[in-house]
Each structure stands twice: as C-alpha cells, then as structure tokens.
Amino acid sequence: MLTSYKAILQDNQLVWVGKQPELSSAPVEVYVTVVGGLVNEAEQRERTALMMAALRQLAELPERSIVNPMAWEREMRRDRELPYRS
C-alpha cells in the first residue's frame, strides 16, 4: 500500500507539510497529484462569493416534496416521441 504525505511544490522542490517521510539520501520514486491550481486570493474570494450566492438562492427556493420518487423519475426521464416511430 502506498503512503501519502502532504507537500507543496516550490521552485521544483517538494516542501513537506506536516508529517515527513523517513527517507535516505538515495533517489526515491514518487507520484505527485496536483490538487490545486494557481489562483490568486482576489479570484478565490470572488469564486467563494459566487458559490455563497448560489447556495443562498437554493436555500430560498420553496420546499418541494416528492411523494413517489419512481414516478417522478419516470416523468423526468420520459423521452419525446421520435419521428416515424409508433
């Protein structure tokens, strides 16, 4: 099983965050997954504000209850009639 450690890539070097692996000076094969893109703080704040506004709009929607989920799904997925088919 592979063990994961959190790190930040800075100037083409990994800077470990928190627990660090115990490594010798020999080369070690690693797999790196980039989980975040380069986003400046102003852009991040704007994205957060947009997400918050969308969540507020969802929260303000009137409550709807689905009595029969299977019937609701059939209604939502009903295909239109295709031409020249009976």
C-alpha atoms as a PDB file:
ATOM      1  CA  MET A   1       0.000   0.000   0.000  1.00  0.00           C
ATOM      2  CA  LEU A   2       1.286   3.465  -0.857  1.00  0.00           C
ATOM      3  CA  THR A   3       1.652   6.035   1.907  1.00  0.00           C
ATOM      4  CA  SER A   4       0.705   9.646   1.182  1.00  0.00           C
ATOM      5  CA  TYR A   5       2.398  12.740   2.582  1.00  0.00           C
ATOM      6  CA  LYS A   6       1.323  16.328   2.056  1.00  0.00           C
ATOM      7  CA  ALA A   7       3.817  18.644   0.358  1.00  0.00           C
ATOM      8  CA  ILE A   8       3.997  21.889  -1.584  1.00  0.00           C
ATOM      9  CA  LEU A   9       5.917  22.119  -4.850  1.00  0.00           C
ATOM     10  CA  GLN A  10       8.075  25.239  -4.732  1.00  0.00           C
ATOM     11  CA  ASP A  11      10.859  26.044  -7.219  1.00  0.00           C
ATOM     12  CA  ASN A  12      10.791  22.434  -8.485  1.00  0.00           C
ATOM     13  CA  GLN A  13      11.351  21.050  -4.961  1.00  0.00           C
ATOM     14  CA  LEU A  14       8.866  19.408  -2.623  1.00  0.00           C
ATOM     15  CA  VAL A  15       8.465  21.161   0.726  1.00  0.00           C
ATOM     16  CA  TRP A  16       6.860  18.748   3.198  1.00  0.00           C
ATOM     17  CA  VAL A  17       3.831  19.921   5.188  1.00  0.00           C
ATOM     18  CA  GLY A  18       3.207  18.106   8.475  1.00  0.00           C
ATOM     19  CA  LYS A  19       4.482  14.542   8.758  1.00  0.00           C
ATOM     20  CA  GLN A  20       7.501  13.855   6.581  1.00  0.00           C
ATOM     21  CA  PRO A  21       8.570  10.521   5.132  1.00  0.00           C
ATOM     22  CA  GLU A  22      11.724   8.968   6.589  1.00  0.00           C
ATOM     23  CA  LEU A  23      13.944   8.772   3.517  1.00  0.00           C
ATOM     24  CA  SER A  24      17.591   8.035   2.922  1.00  0.00           C
ATOM     25  CA  SER A  25      19.672  10.135   0.559  1.00  0.00           C
ATOM     26  CA  ALA A  26      19.076   7.594  -2.228  1.00  0.00           C
ATOM     27  CA  PRO A  27      16.667   8.594  -5.013  1.00  0.00           C
ATOM     28  CA  VAL A  28      13.035   7.654  -4.325  1.00  0.00           C
ATOM     29  CA  GLU A  29      10.254   7.240  -6.867  1.00  0.00           C
ATOM     30  CA  VAL A  30       7.249   9.422  -6.013  1.00  0.00           C
ATOM     31  CA  TYR A  31       3.835  10.135  -7.524  1.00  0.00           C
ATOM     32  CA  VAL A  32       2.590  13.719  -7.304  1.00  0.00           C
ATOM     33  CA  THR A  33      -1.051  14.726  -7.677  1.00  0.00           C
ATOM     34  CA  VAL A  34      -1.686  18.430  -8.151  1.00  0.00           C
ATOM     35  CA  VAL A  35      -4.835  19.187  -6.164  1.00  0.00           C
ATOM     36  CA  GLY A  36      -4.983  22.952  -6.584  1.00  0.00           C
ATOM     37  CA  GLY A  37      -4.283  25.301  -9.420  1.00  0.00           C
ATOM     38  CA  LEU A  38      -2.637  28.659  -9.204  1.00  0.00           C
ATOM     39  CA  VAL A  39      -5.390  31.008  -8.039  1.00  0.00           C
ATOM     40  CA  ASN A  40      -4.749  34.410  -6.532  1.00  0.00           C
ATOM     41  CA  GLU A  41      -6.574  35.495  -3.373  1.00  0.00           C
ATOM     42  CA  ALA A  42      -8.862  38.009  -5.121  1.00  0.00           C
ATOM     43  CA  GLU A  43     -10.013  35.374  -7.627  1.00  0.00           C
ATOM     44  CA  GLN A  44     -10.557  32.872  -4.809  1.00  0.00           C
ATOM     45  CA  ARG A  45     -12.647  35.394  -2.853  1.00  0.00           C
ATOM     46  CA  GLU A  46     -14.749  36.104  -5.958  1.00  0.00           C
ATOM     47  CA  ARG A  47     -15.356  32.382  -6.557  1.00  0.00           C
ATOM     48  CA  THR A  48     -16.317  31.906  -2.922  1.00  0.00           C
ATOM     49  CA  ALA A  49     -18.767  34.834  -3.082  1.00  0.00           C
ATOM     50  CA  LEU A  50     -20.387  33.373  -6.224  1.00  0.00           C
ATOM     51  CA  MET A  51     -20.749  29.957  -4.601  1.00  0.00           C
ATOM     52  CA  MET A  52     -22.253  31.505  -1.468  1.00  0.00           C
ATOM     53  CA  ALA A  53     -24.760  33.490  -3.556  1.00  0.00           C
ATOM     54  CA  ALA A  54     -25.786  30.326  -5.435  1.00  0.00           C
ATOM     55  CA  LEU A  55     -26.271  28.446  -2.155  1.00  0.00           C
ATOM     56  CA  ARG A  56     -28.390  31.294  -0.771  1.00  0.00           C
ATOM     57  CA  GLN A  57     -30.598  31.161  -3.880  1.00  0.00           C
ATOM     58  CA  LEU A  58     -31.032  27.398  -3.456  1.00  0.00           C
ATOM     59  CA  ALA A  59     -31.916  27.842   0.208  1.00  0.00           C
ATOM     60  CA  GLU A  60     -34.611  30.394  -0.709  1.00  0.00           C
ATOM     61  CA  LEU A  61     -36.397  28.047  -3.130  1.00  0.00           C
ATOM     62  CA  PRO A  62     -39.770  26.811  -1.915  1.00  0.00           C
ATOM     63  CA  GLU A  63     -39.708  23.342  -0.397  1.00  0.00           C
ATOM     64  CA  ARG A  64     -40.984  20.625  -2.642  1.00  0.00           C
ATOM     65  CA  SER A  65     -41.648  17.071  -1.669  1.00  0.00           C
ATOM     66  CA  ILE A  66     -41.609  14.101  -3.985  1.00  0.00           C
ATOM     67  CA  VAL A  67     -44.298  11.662  -2.892  1.00  0.00           C
ATOM     68  CA  ASN A  68     -43.387   8.877  -5.303  1.00  0.00           C
ATOM     69  CA  PRO A  69     -39.703   9.039  -6.359  1.00  0.00           C
ATOM     70  CA  MET A  70     -40.083   6.328  -9.023  1.00  0.00           C
ATOM     71  CA  ALA A  71     -42.978   8.112 -10.725  1.00  0.00           C
ATOM     72  CA  TRP A  72     -41.071  11.405 -10.534  1.00  0.00           C
ATOM     73  CA  GLU A  73     -38.015   9.826 -12.170  1.00  0.00           C
ATOM     74  CA  ARG A  74     -40.124   8.279 -14.949  1.00  0.00           C
ATOM     75  CA  GLU A  75     -41.711  11.681 -15.586  1.00  0.00           C
ATOM     76  CA  MET A  76     -38.329  13.419 -15.696  1.00  0.00           C
ATOM     77  CA  ARG A  77     -36.801  10.825 -17.999  1.00  0.00           C
ATOM     78  CA  ARG A  78     -39.737  10.454 -20.375  1.00  0.00           C
ATOM     79  CA  ASP A  79     -38.432  10.536 -23.920  1.00  0.00           C
ATOM     80  CA  ARG A  80     -40.069  12.539 -26.628  1.00  0.00           C
ATOM     81  CA  GLU A  81     -41.720  10.710 -29.457  1.00  0.00           C
ATOM     82  CA  LEU A  82     -39.354  10.023 -32.309  1.00  0.00           C
ATOM     83  CA  PRO A  83     -40.482  10.815 -35.852  1.00  0.00           C
ATOM     84  CA  TYR A  84     -41.716   7.912 -37.962  1.00  0.00           C
ATOM     85  CA  ARG A  85     -41.945   5.588 -34.950  1.00  0.00           C
ATOM     86  CA  SER A  86     -45.107   4.299 -33.396  1.00  0.00           C
END
